[in-house]
Amino acid sequence: MLLSNLSKVIRVNKTYNFNKNKYFSAITSNSKFTNNKTLFVYDKNTKVKKIYLDEVLKNKTPAIISNKYIKNLKIPQFVVSNINFEIHYLLTKLHSNLPFKTLAVTGTNGKTSVVWYISKILNSLKYNNTMVGTLGHFVNGKKINDINLTTPAYEELFRYGSSNKKEKNIFIFEASSHALEQNRLRNYPINIAAITNISKDHLDYHKTFSNYKKSKIKLFSNHLVNSGFAIINSRLNILSELKKTLIKKNVKFKYFGNKNIKLIKINDFVYLNINNTKYKLENLKLKTNIELENLECAITCCLALNISQSKIIRVLSKVTNPSGRLQTIEYKKKKSKIIIDYAHTPDALKKILLAYKIKKMKPSILFGCGGDRDKSKRKSMALIANKYADKIYITDDNPRNENPSKIRKNILKYCSRAMEVSDRRKAIKLAIKELKMNEILIVAGKGHEKFQVLKNKTIKFDDFTVVKQLLN
């Protein structure tokens, strides 16, 4: 589109340094993604540092759309009043192949697994779908690329949502608390919003649990369309809060974890209870309570997509875990198991330790805590490991700019019986060496990640690959 046509598409109050012959094909609010064909969106309500504007100029963006004139910037500027409305309308013109349905999942833990399970069900039933989240960008099950953020910026959601060129595409994505609090979704319309669970996390950013909880609820109050579906974990105690925020919307509620939708494990078999009718699930690969709770959410979302329960039940045996989520490696020599998981919150750590407790035998755990992140988690995670784990190995996660030794000491203060091994590879090696017959070791915290972030460098590191190498 030519800049000269922009004022015909959106309502522009004033134009500065106008150059009608410049062309653009995309827009972004992230200065890193600007180029000579991508406009930059500047919102006065968002803090944009001068360094980012310098990057925009360096990348030769054709123009800036803003709700406030930026002085001393020699670049075409289009000033608008309602930036959310105008950008939304412009994006609908730039991306004509918009999704048939959009489904977003929030929650402290389980977001990645739930969107993965939904995509697996849809792929098995030949429903066109696009999935975006922690694991990257997928179209009909095929990975297209990695992405930098769990929840991309608003305009990126439009781009990803229209990346599947086939008809009736279902767009599924993870909605993080940061994205919701920063209004990164702006007024992106969501047909189905789901919440997995809520426990303490990201308090370095949100400051209080109350603020954190409010950010999660914004997915429903700010983004769920009228007559949309709210998918709620019945185990949560936020139902009354949610209903209050949605009182003016004609929203349909669907619950899981109760008589409506519940997965029940009896001995080695799993049964699906839908409205008091029980179905035995043959050859289901997911067995732990963690997996079953996430699968309940995925099934409920698929029912909200108007997929029949008979179709869903037929393909549940094809659902597997994503990379780095309860990923099991058999240690045949000792008839033991090593579990790779992303668990990096107190709630997730407790759930995984309880999930792999066999009678009186507790699993062993290897973990650390991330630097420059919520420090309050360290004590809680240490106390949980102390109570629910057999052997405990404290090592480095992603220390980032913090002193890794201090992070480990923060944990060890409340977990005195743990062994401290700073080097993560050496820690994993020791933990495997000390495994006894029929024991379980959980390597937690990094899951699917392929790198370890240190103070002055980022190194290649993949827990799954390291375990495989050490076993061989």
Protein backbone atom coordinates (compact mmCIF):
# COMPACT_ATOMS: atom_id res chain seq x y z
CA MET A 1 0.00 0.00 0.00
CA LEU A 2 1.25 3.50 -0.84
CA LEU A 3 1.46 6.06 1.95
CA SER A 4 -0.74 8.29 -0.21
CA ASN A 5 -3.58 5.76 0.28
CA LEU A 6 -3.21 5.52 4.06
CA SER A 7 -5.49 8.48 4.81
CA LYS A 8 -8.18 6.80 2.66
CA VAL A 9 -8.10 3.74 4.92
CA ILE A 10 -7.74 5.29 8.39
CA ARG A 11 -8.80 8.62 9.89
CA VAL A 12 -5.66 10.78 10.02
CA ASN A 13 -5.77 14.04 12.00
CA LYS A 14 -2.51 15.45 10.74
CA THR A 15 0.42 14.43 8.55
CA TYR A 16 4.07 15.49 8.92
CA ASN A 17 6.98 15.11 6.46
CA PHE A 18 4.61 13.42 4.00
CA ASN A 19 6.10 11.35 1.16
CA LYS A 20 3.24 9.93 -0.90
CA ASN A 21 5.39 7.61 -3.03
CA LYS A 22 6.64 5.41 -0.19
CA TYR A 23 5.24 1.88 -0.02
CA PHE A 24 4.52 -0.39 2.97
CA SER A 25 3.14 -3.91 3.43
CA ALA A 26 3.20 -4.37 7.22
CA ILE A 27 3.09 -2.51 10.53
CA THR A 28 4.75 -3.18 13.89
CA SER A 29 5.07 -1.71 17.39
CA ASN A 30 8.42 -3.46 17.89
CA SER A 31 11.35 -1.38 16.62
CA LYS A 32 13.37 -4.57 16.00
CA PHE A 33 10.91 -5.65 13.31
CA THR A 34 10.91 -2.38 11.36
CA ASN A 35 12.32 -2.23 7.83
CA ASN A 36 11.83 -0.23 4.63
CA LYS A 37 8.36 -1.80 4.09
CA THR A 38 7.08 -1.84 7.67
CA LEU A 39 5.45 1.12 9.43
CA PHE A 40 6.15 1.74 13.11
CA VAL A 41 3.25 2.23 15.54
CA TYR A 42 3.91 4.66 18.40
CA ASP A 43 1.41 4.83 21.27
CA LYS A 44 1.90 7.72 23.70
CA ASN A 45 0.53 5.50 26.50
CA THR A 46 3.44 3.09 26.04
CA LYS A 47 6.94 4.05 27.10
CA VAL A 48 9.12 4.15 23.99
CA LYS A 49 12.77 4.98 24.66
CA LYS A 50 14.76 7.18 22.31
CA ILE A 51 17.00 4.21 21.48
CA TYR A 52 14.00 2.45 19.89
CA LEU A 53 13.14 5.48 17.77
CA ASP A 54 16.78 5.59 16.65
CA GLU A 55 16.44 1.94 15.62
CA VAL A 56 13.29 2.79 13.63
CA LEU A 57 15.20 5.50 11.74
CA LYS A 58 18.19 3.22 11.18
CA ASN A 59 15.92 0.51 9.73
CA LYS A 60 14.47 3.07 7.26
CA THR A 61 10.82 2.57 8.13
CA PRO A 62 8.60 4.45 5.62
CA ALA A 63 6.53 6.24 8.31
CA ILE A 64 5.19 6.30 11.86
CA ILE A 65 1.54 6.08 12.90
CA SER A 66 1.04 7.65 16.33
CA ASN A 67 -1.45 9.30 18.65
CA LYS A 68 1.05 12.04 19.46
CA TYR A 69 3.43 14.03 17.25
CA ILE A 70 7.08 13.19 17.93
CA LYS A 71 9.22 16.32 17.69
CA ASN A 72 12.54 16.50 15.81
CA LEU A 73 11.93 13.28 13.93
CA LYS A 74 12.57 13.64 10.21
CA ILE A 75 10.29 10.90 9.01
CA PRO A 76 6.68 10.85 7.75
CA GLN A 77 4.24 10.82 10.69
CA PHE A 78 0.49 10.13 10.63
CA VAL A 79 -1.20 11.31 13.81
CA VAL A 80 -4.54 9.69 14.73
CA SER A 81 -6.89 10.01 17.71
CA ASN A 82 -8.03 6.45 18.46
CA ILE A 83 -4.88 4.47 17.71
CA ASN A 84 -6.34 1.08 18.72
CA PHE A 85 -9.33 1.45 16.41
CA GLU A 86 -7.34 2.79 13.43
CA ILE A 87 -4.58 0.18 13.69
CA HIS A 88 -7.14 -2.62 14.00
CA TYR A 89 -8.95 -1.42 10.88
CA LEU A 90 -5.69 -1.03 8.94
CA LEU A 91 -4.62 -4.56 9.89
CA THR A 92 -7.90 -6.02 8.62
CA LYS A 93 -7.11 -4.40 5.25
CA LEU A 94 -3.50 -5.62 5.18
CA HIS A 95 -4.44 -9.18 6.22
CA SER A 96 -7.52 -10.34 4.35
CA ASN A 97 -7.24 -14.04 5.30
CA LEU A 98 -8.33 -13.65 8.93
CA PRO A 99 -9.05 -16.70 11.16
CA PHE A 100 -12.43 -18.41 11.22
CA LYS A 101 -12.17 -18.72 15.02
CA THR A 102 -9.60 -17.45 17.53
CA LEU A 103 -8.87 -19.26 20.79
CA ALA A 104 -6.56 -17.93 23.54
CA VAL A 105 -5.32 -19.77 26.63
CA THR A 106 -3.99 -18.12 29.79
CA GLY A 107 -2.93 -19.49 33.19
CA THR A 108 0.18 -19.80 35.33
CA ASN A 109 1.01 -23.33 34.19
CA GLY A 110 -0.19 -25.51 31.33
CA LYS A 111 -0.72 -22.92 28.57
CA THR A 112 1.81 -24.51 26.22
CA SER A 113 0.50 -28.04 26.76
CA VAL A 114 -3.14 -27.00 26.29
CA VAL A 115 -2.59 -25.16 22.98
CA TRP A 116 -0.44 -28.10 21.84
CA TYR A 117 -3.14 -30.65 22.75
CA ILE A 118 -5.83 -28.58 20.97
CA SER A 119 -3.67 -28.36 17.85
CA LYS A 120 -3.00 -32.12 17.99
CA ILE A 121 -6.73 -32.86 18.16
CA LEU A 122 -7.47 -30.46 15.29
CA ASN A 123 -4.65 -31.88 13.14
CA SER A 124 -5.89 -35.44 13.72
CA LEU A 125 -9.38 -34.37 12.59
CA LYS A 126 -8.03 -32.40 9.57
CA TYR A 127 -9.16 -29.00 10.87
CA ASN A 128 -6.95 -26.18 9.58
CA ASN A 129 -5.20 -24.45 12.46
CA THR A 130 -2.40 -22.09 13.39
CA MET A 131 -0.72 -22.32 16.79
CA VAL A 132 1.48 -19.63 18.36
CA GLY A 133 3.19 -19.70 21.75
CA THR A 134 6.29 -20.61 23.71
CA LEU A 135 7.22 -23.39 21.26
CA GLY A 136 6.93 -21.16 18.17
CA HIS A 137 4.65 -20.70 15.16
CA PHE A 138 2.97 -23.82 13.71
CA VAL A 139 0.62 -24.20 10.74
CA ASN A 140 -1.36 -27.48 10.63
CA GLY A 141 1.24 -29.11 12.88
CA LYS A 142 4.27 -27.99 10.88
CA LYS A 143 6.71 -25.66 12.63
CA ILE A 144 7.30 -22.45 10.66
CA ASN A 145 9.61 -20.57 13.02
CA ASP A 146 10.50 -19.72 16.61
CA ILE A 147 9.10 -16.54 18.15
CA ASN A 148 10.65 -14.20 20.73
CA LEU A 149 7.70 -13.80 23.07
CA THR A 150 5.09 -16.22 24.42
CA THR A 151 2.43 -13.76 23.20
CA PRO A 152 3.47 -11.65 20.20
CA ALA A 153 2.46 -8.03 19.70
CA TYR A 154 -1.02 -7.19 18.42
CA GLU A 155 0.00 -6.66 14.80
CA GLU A 156 2.07 -9.87 14.87
CA LEU A 157 -1.05 -11.76 15.99
CA PHE A 158 -2.75 -10.55 12.81
CA ARG A 159 0.19 -11.75 10.72
CA TYR A 160 0.34 -15.16 12.40
CA GLY A 161 -3.45 -15.50 12.42
CA SER A 162 -3.59 -15.04 8.65
CA SER A 163 -0.52 -17.21 7.90
CA ASN A 164 -2.64 -20.32 7.21
CA LYS A 165 -3.98 -19.76 3.70
CA LYS A 166 -6.51 -22.59 3.89
CA GLU A 167 -10.20 -22.04 4.59
CA LYS A 168 -11.79 -21.94 8.06
CA ASN A 169 -8.50 -21.62 9.92
CA ILE A 170 -8.62 -21.85 13.72
CA PHE A 171 -6.03 -19.64 15.41
CA ILE A 172 -4.80 -20.80 18.84
CA PHE A 173 -2.35 -18.86 20.98
CA GLU A 174 -1.01 -18.46 24.51
CA ALA A 175 -1.88 -15.24 26.36
CA SER A 176 0.71 -14.36 29.01
CA SER A 177 0.07 -12.08 31.99
CA HIS A 178 2.73 -9.66 30.70
CA ALA A 179 0.99 -9.38 27.33
CA LEU A 180 -2.40 -8.84 28.96
CA GLU A 181 -1.10 -6.24 31.42
CA GLN A 182 0.82 -4.38 28.69
CA ASN A 183 -2.30 -4.38 26.49
CA ARG A 184 -0.25 -6.16 23.83
CA LEU A 185 -3.45 -7.71 22.45
CA ARG A 186 -5.12 -4.27 22.16
CA ASN A 187 -8.61 -5.06 20.80
CA TYR A 188 -7.76 -8.36 19.09
CA PRO A 189 -11.07 -10.32 19.01
CA ILE A 190 -11.12 -13.70 20.78
CA ASN A 191 -13.99 -16.17 20.34
CA ILE A 192 -12.90 -18.65 23.00
CA ALA A 193 -10.87 -17.73 26.10
CA ALA A 194 -9.59 -20.42 28.48
CA ILE A 195 -7.82 -20.35 31.83
CA THR A 196 -5.86 -23.37 33.10
CA ASN A 197 -4.99 -22.34 36.68
CA ILE A 198 -3.64 -19.43 38.74
CA SER A 199 -0.83 -19.54 41.31
CA LYS A 200 1.90 -17.06 42.31
CA ASP A 201 4.30 -16.10 39.52
CA HIS A 202 5.92 -13.03 37.93
CA LEU A 203 5.58 -10.99 41.14
CA ASP A 204 8.77 -9.16 40.16
CA TYR A 205 6.63 -7.55 37.45
CA HIS A 206 3.08 -7.53 38.86
CA LYS A 207 4.20 -6.82 42.48
CA THR A 208 1.16 -8.48 44.09
CA PHE A 209 -0.78 -11.68 43.46
CA SER A 210 -3.94 -9.60 43.21
CA ASN A 211 -2.46 -7.60 40.32
CA TYR A 212 -1.28 -10.81 38.66
CA LYS A 213 -4.75 -12.35 38.93
CA LYS A 214 -6.37 -9.21 37.52
CA SER A 215 -4.08 -9.34 34.48
CA LYS A 216 -5.24 -12.90 33.73
CA ILE A 217 -8.91 -11.94 34.02
CA LYS A 218 -8.33 -9.22 31.38
CA LEU A 219 -8.31 -11.94 28.72
CA PHE A 220 -12.02 -12.39 29.40
CA SER A 221 -13.10 -8.86 30.31
CA ASN A 222 -11.14 -6.99 27.60
CA HIS A 223 -10.78 -9.42 24.71
CA LEU A 224 -13.52 -12.06 24.68
CA VAL A 225 -16.19 -11.12 22.13
CA ASN A 226 -19.90 -10.96 22.94
CA SER A 227 -21.44 -14.46 22.68
CA GLY A 228 -17.95 -15.94 23.06
CA PHE A 229 -17.04 -18.93 25.24
CA ALA A 230 -15.26 -18.68 28.61
CA ILE A 231 -13.53 -21.99 29.42
CA ILE A 232 -12.94 -22.19 33.17
CA ASN A 233 -11.16 -24.67 35.44
CA SER A 234 -13.85 -25.43 38.04
CA ARG A 235 -11.10 -25.99 40.64
CA LEU A 236 -10.32 -22.24 40.64
CA ASN A 237 -11.87 -19.84 43.14
CA ILE A 238 -12.22 -16.95 40.69
CA LEU A 239 -15.59 -17.86 39.19
CA SER A 240 -17.50 -15.06 40.93
CA GLU A 241 -14.86 -12.50 39.92
CA LEU A 242 -15.00 -13.64 36.32
CA LYS A 243 -18.78 -13.55 36.18
CA LYS A 244 -18.80 -10.00 37.57
CA THR A 245 -16.45 -8.80 34.84
CA LEU A 246 -18.52 -10.49 32.14
CA ILE A 247 -21.98 -9.51 33.37
CA LYS A 248 -22.52 -7.14 30.43
CA LYS A 249 -21.35 -9.68 27.85
CA ASN A 250 -23.52 -12.49 26.56
CA VAL A 251 -20.81 -15.03 27.34
CA LYS A 252 -21.31 -18.80 27.46
CA PHE A 253 -19.45 -20.51 30.29
CA LYS A 254 -17.99 -24.01 29.96
CA TYR A 255 -16.32 -25.68 32.94
CA PHE A 256 -13.86 -28.55 33.21
CA GLY A 257 -12.74 -30.57 36.20
CA ASN A 258 -16.31 -31.22 37.38
CA LYS A 259 -19.28 -33.30 36.21
CA ASN A 260 -19.31 -31.43 32.86
CA ILE A 261 -15.84 -32.53 31.74
CA LYS A 262 -13.57 -34.63 33.94
CA LEU A 263 -10.86 -37.21 33.30
CA ILE A 264 -10.67 -39.93 35.93
CA LYS A 265 -7.80 -42.38 36.35
CA ILE A 266 -8.75 -45.79 37.75
CA ASN A 267 -5.77 -48.14 38.06
CA ASP A 268 -4.10 -47.95 34.63
CA PHE A 269 -7.19 -46.80 32.75
CA VAL A 270 -8.46 -43.29 32.08
CA TYR A 271 -12.15 -42.47 31.74
CA LEU A 272 -13.69 -39.31 30.35
CA ASN A 273 -16.82 -38.16 32.15
CA ILE A 274 -18.99 -35.78 30.06
CA ASN A 275 -22.22 -34.70 31.75
CA ASN A 276 -22.29 -37.87 33.88
CA THR A 277 -21.70 -40.19 30.90
CA LYS A 278 -18.44 -42.14 31.23
CA TYR A 279 -16.21 -43.15 28.28
CA LYS A 280 -13.20 -45.44 28.58
CA LEU A 281 -10.23 -43.96 26.68
CA GLU A 282 -8.21 -46.64 24.93
CA ASN A 283 -4.44 -46.23 24.41
CA LEU A 284 -4.27 -42.76 25.97
CA LYS A 285 -0.62 -41.69 26.26
CA LEU A 286 -1.28 -39.04 28.91
CA LYS A 287 -1.54 -40.47 32.42
CA THR A 288 -0.48 -38.01 35.15
CA ASN A 289 -2.90 -35.64 36.88
CA ILE A 290 -1.03 -32.69 35.34
CA GLU A 291 -1.56 -34.02 31.81
CA LEU A 292 -5.18 -34.99 32.45
CA GLU A 293 -6.10 -31.54 33.82
CA ASN A 294 -4.56 -29.87 30.76
CA LEU A 295 -6.32 -32.35 28.48
CA GLU A 296 -9.67 -31.55 30.17
CA CYS A 297 -9.14 -27.91 29.20
CA ALA A 298 -8.21 -28.84 25.61
CA ILE A 299 -11.27 -31.10 25.21
CA THR A 300 -13.58 -28.36 26.55
CA CYS A 301 -12.08 -25.85 24.09
CA CYS A 302 -12.66 -28.27 21.20
CA LEU A 303 -16.29 -28.76 22.27
CA ALA A 304 -16.66 -24.96 22.25
CA LEU A 305 -15.41 -25.08 18.64
CA ASN A 306 -18.52 -27.18 17.96
CA ILE A 307 -16.58 -30.40 17.37
CA SER A 308 -18.60 -33.45 18.40
CA GLN A 309 -17.47 -35.39 21.47
CA SER A 310 -17.39 -38.63 19.47
CA LYS A 311 -14.86 -37.12 17.05
CA ILE A 312 -12.72 -35.76 19.89
CA ILE A 313 -12.73 -39.07 21.80
CA ARG A 314 -11.73 -40.93 18.62
CA VAL A 315 -8.40 -39.06 18.31
CA LEU A 316 -7.36 -38.57 21.96
CA SER A 317 -4.96 -41.52 21.71
CA LYS A 318 -2.94 -39.46 19.19
CA VAL A 319 -2.33 -36.62 21.65
CA THR A 320 1.25 -36.46 22.93
CA ASN A 321 3.21 -34.01 25.05
CA PRO A 322 5.10 -31.11 23.51
CA SER A 323 8.87 -30.87 23.74
CA GLY A 324 10.12 -30.26 27.28
CA ARG A 325 6.78 -30.97 28.95
CA LEU A 326 6.86 -34.19 31.03
CA GLN A 327 9.23 -35.57 28.40
CA THR A 328 10.29 -39.06 29.49
CA ILE A 329 13.67 -40.70 28.84
CA GLU A 330 14.03 -44.34 29.82
CA TYR A 331 17.25 -45.32 31.64
CA LYS A 332 17.01 -48.99 30.77
CA LYS A 333 20.16 -50.06 32.61
CA LYS A 334 18.61 -49.08 35.95
CA LYS A 335 14.96 -49.46 34.90
CA SER A 336 14.59 -45.81 35.82
CA LYS A 337 13.03 -42.73 34.23
CA ILE A 338 14.32 -39.20 33.70
CA ILE A 339 11.62 -36.55 33.19
CA ILE A 340 12.43 -33.27 31.42
CA ASP A 341 9.98 -30.53 32.33
CA TYR A 342 9.59 -26.76 32.20
CA ALA A 343 8.30 -26.57 35.82
CA HIS A 344 9.64 -23.26 37.14
CA THR A 345 6.95 -22.16 39.59
CA PRO A 346 6.23 -23.50 43.11
CA ASP A 347 2.84 -24.88 42.03
CA ALA A 348 4.28 -26.65 38.97
CA LEU A 349 7.16 -28.11 41.02
CA LYS A 350 4.80 -29.47 43.67
CA LYS A 351 2.44 -30.97 41.10
CA ILE A 352 5.19 -32.76 39.19
CA LEU A 353 6.78 -34.16 42.36
CA LEU A 354 3.41 -35.50 43.51
CA ALA A 355 2.59 -36.83 40.03
CA TYR A 356 5.68 -39.06 40.02
CA LYS A 357 5.51 -40.26 43.61
CA ILE A 358 5.12 -44.04 43.53
CA LYS A 359 3.67 -45.37 46.80
CA LYS A 360 6.27 -44.30 49.41
CA MET A 361 9.06 -43.64 46.90
CA LYS A 362 9.64 -39.96 46.14
CA PRO A 363 11.25 -38.80 42.88
CA SER A 364 14.53 -36.88 42.90
CA ILE A 365 14.67 -33.34 41.55
CA LEU A 366 17.26 -31.17 39.82
CA PHE A 367 16.46 -27.47 39.44
CA GLY A 368 17.58 -23.86 39.80
CA CYS A 369 15.87 -20.48 39.59
CA GLY A 370 16.11 -17.85 36.89
CA GLY A 371 18.00 -14.61 37.49
CA ASP A 372 16.34 -11.17 37.17
CA ARG A 373 13.01 -12.82 37.86
CA ASP A 374 10.58 -13.23 40.77
CA LYS A 375 12.88 -13.88 43.77
CA SER A 376 10.00 -14.81 46.07
CA LYS A 377 9.69 -18.17 44.25
CA ARG A 378 13.07 -19.39 45.46
CA LYS A 379 12.09 -20.01 49.08
CA SER A 380 8.78 -21.66 48.10
CA MET A 381 10.41 -23.96 45.54
CA ALA A 382 13.13 -24.94 48.03
CA LEU A 383 10.59 -25.83 50.73
CA ILE A 384 8.52 -27.84 48.24
CA ALA A 385 11.59 -29.78 47.05
CA ASN A 386 12.59 -30.42 50.67
CA LYS A 387 9.16 -31.88 51.45
CA TYR A 388 8.30 -33.82 48.31
CA ALA A 389 11.63 -34.91 46.75
CA ASP A 390 14.10 -37.67 47.61
CA LYS A 391 17.50 -36.41 46.45
CA ILE A 392 17.77 -32.71 45.53
CA TYR A 393 20.32 -31.13 43.19
CA ILE A 394 20.52 -27.33 43.05
CA THR A 395 22.17 -25.96 39.92
CA ASP A 396 22.03 -22.97 37.58
CA ASP A 397 18.95 -22.24 35.47
CA ASN A 398 19.28 -18.99 33.45
CA PRO A 399 21.20 -16.71 35.87
CA ARG A 400 21.11 -13.80 33.41
CA ASN A 401 22.64 -10.72 35.11
CA GLU A 402 22.42 -12.05 38.66
CA ASN A 403 25.27 -13.73 40.50
CA PRO A 404 24.46 -17.46 40.07
CA SER A 405 26.09 -18.32 43.39
CA LYS A 406 23.70 -15.97 45.22
CA ILE A 407 20.69 -17.51 43.47
CA ARG A 408 21.77 -20.97 44.58
CA LYS A 409 22.33 -19.74 48.15
CA ASN A 410 18.82 -18.23 48.18
CA ILE A 411 17.47 -21.72 47.44
CA LEU A 412 19.87 -23.70 49.66
CA LYS A 413 18.99 -21.53 52.67
CA TYR A 414 15.63 -23.35 52.78
CA CYS A 415 16.80 -26.66 51.37
CA SER A 416 19.91 -27.56 53.39
CA ARG A 417 19.99 -31.26 52.46
CA ALA A 418 20.35 -30.46 48.75
CA MET A 419 23.56 -30.94 46.79
CA GLU A 420 24.93 -27.84 45.07
CA VAL A 421 26.50 -28.27 41.63
CA SER A 422 26.83 -24.99 39.73
CA ASP A 423 27.51 -26.46 36.27
CA ARG A 424 24.17 -27.77 34.97
CA ARG A 425 25.72 -30.53 32.84
CA LYS A 426 27.80 -31.79 35.77
CA ALA A 427 24.75 -31.65 38.02
CA ILE A 428 22.72 -33.77 35.58
CA LYS A 429 25.64 -36.21 35.27
CA LEU A 430 25.83 -36.62 39.06
CA ALA A 431 22.06 -37.01 39.42
CA ILE A 432 22.00 -39.75 36.77
CA LYS A 433 24.99 -41.49 38.36
CA GLU A 434 23.25 -41.55 41.75
CA LEU A 435 19.98 -42.95 40.36
CA LYS A 436 19.12 -46.34 41.83
CA MET A 437 17.00 -49.11 40.34
CA ASN A 438 13.40 -48.08 39.49
CA GLU A 439 13.91 -44.48 40.61
CA ILE A 440 12.68 -41.31 38.91
CA LEU A 441 14.70 -38.14 38.34
CA ILE A 442 13.01 -34.88 37.33
CA VAL A 443 15.17 -32.31 35.52
CA ALA A 444 13.11 -29.16 35.94
CA GLY A 445 13.05 -25.53 34.91
CA LYS A 446 14.22 -25.28 31.31
CA GLY A 447 12.12 -27.81 29.43
CA HIS A 448 12.24 -27.14 25.68
CA GLU A 449 14.87 -24.37 25.89
CA LYS A 450 17.91 -24.76 23.67
CA PHE A 451 20.11 -22.16 25.39
CA GLN A 452 21.34 -21.12 28.83
CA VAL A 453 21.43 -17.36 29.46
CA LEU A 454 24.47 -16.23 31.46
CA LYS A 455 25.65 -12.71 32.34
CA ASN A 456 27.75 -11.91 29.31
CA LYS A 457 26.83 -14.72 26.94
CA THR A 458 24.22 -17.22 25.85
CA ILE A 459 25.41 -20.80 25.39
CA LYS A 460 23.79 -23.77 23.70
CA PHE A 461 22.20 -26.02 26.30
CA ASP A 462 19.33 -28.47 25.98
CA ASP A 463 18.41 -30.66 28.99
CA PHE A 464 16.95 -33.41 26.79
CA THR A 465 20.06 -33.59 24.57
CA VAL A 466 22.42 -33.52 27.57
CA VAL A 467 20.58 -36.41 29.27
CA LYS A 468 20.62 -38.44 26.04
CA GLN A 469 24.37 -37.82 25.60
CA LEU A 470 25.15 -38.80 29.18
CA LEU A 471 23.12 -42.02 28.93
CA ASN A 472 24.94 -43.01 25.76
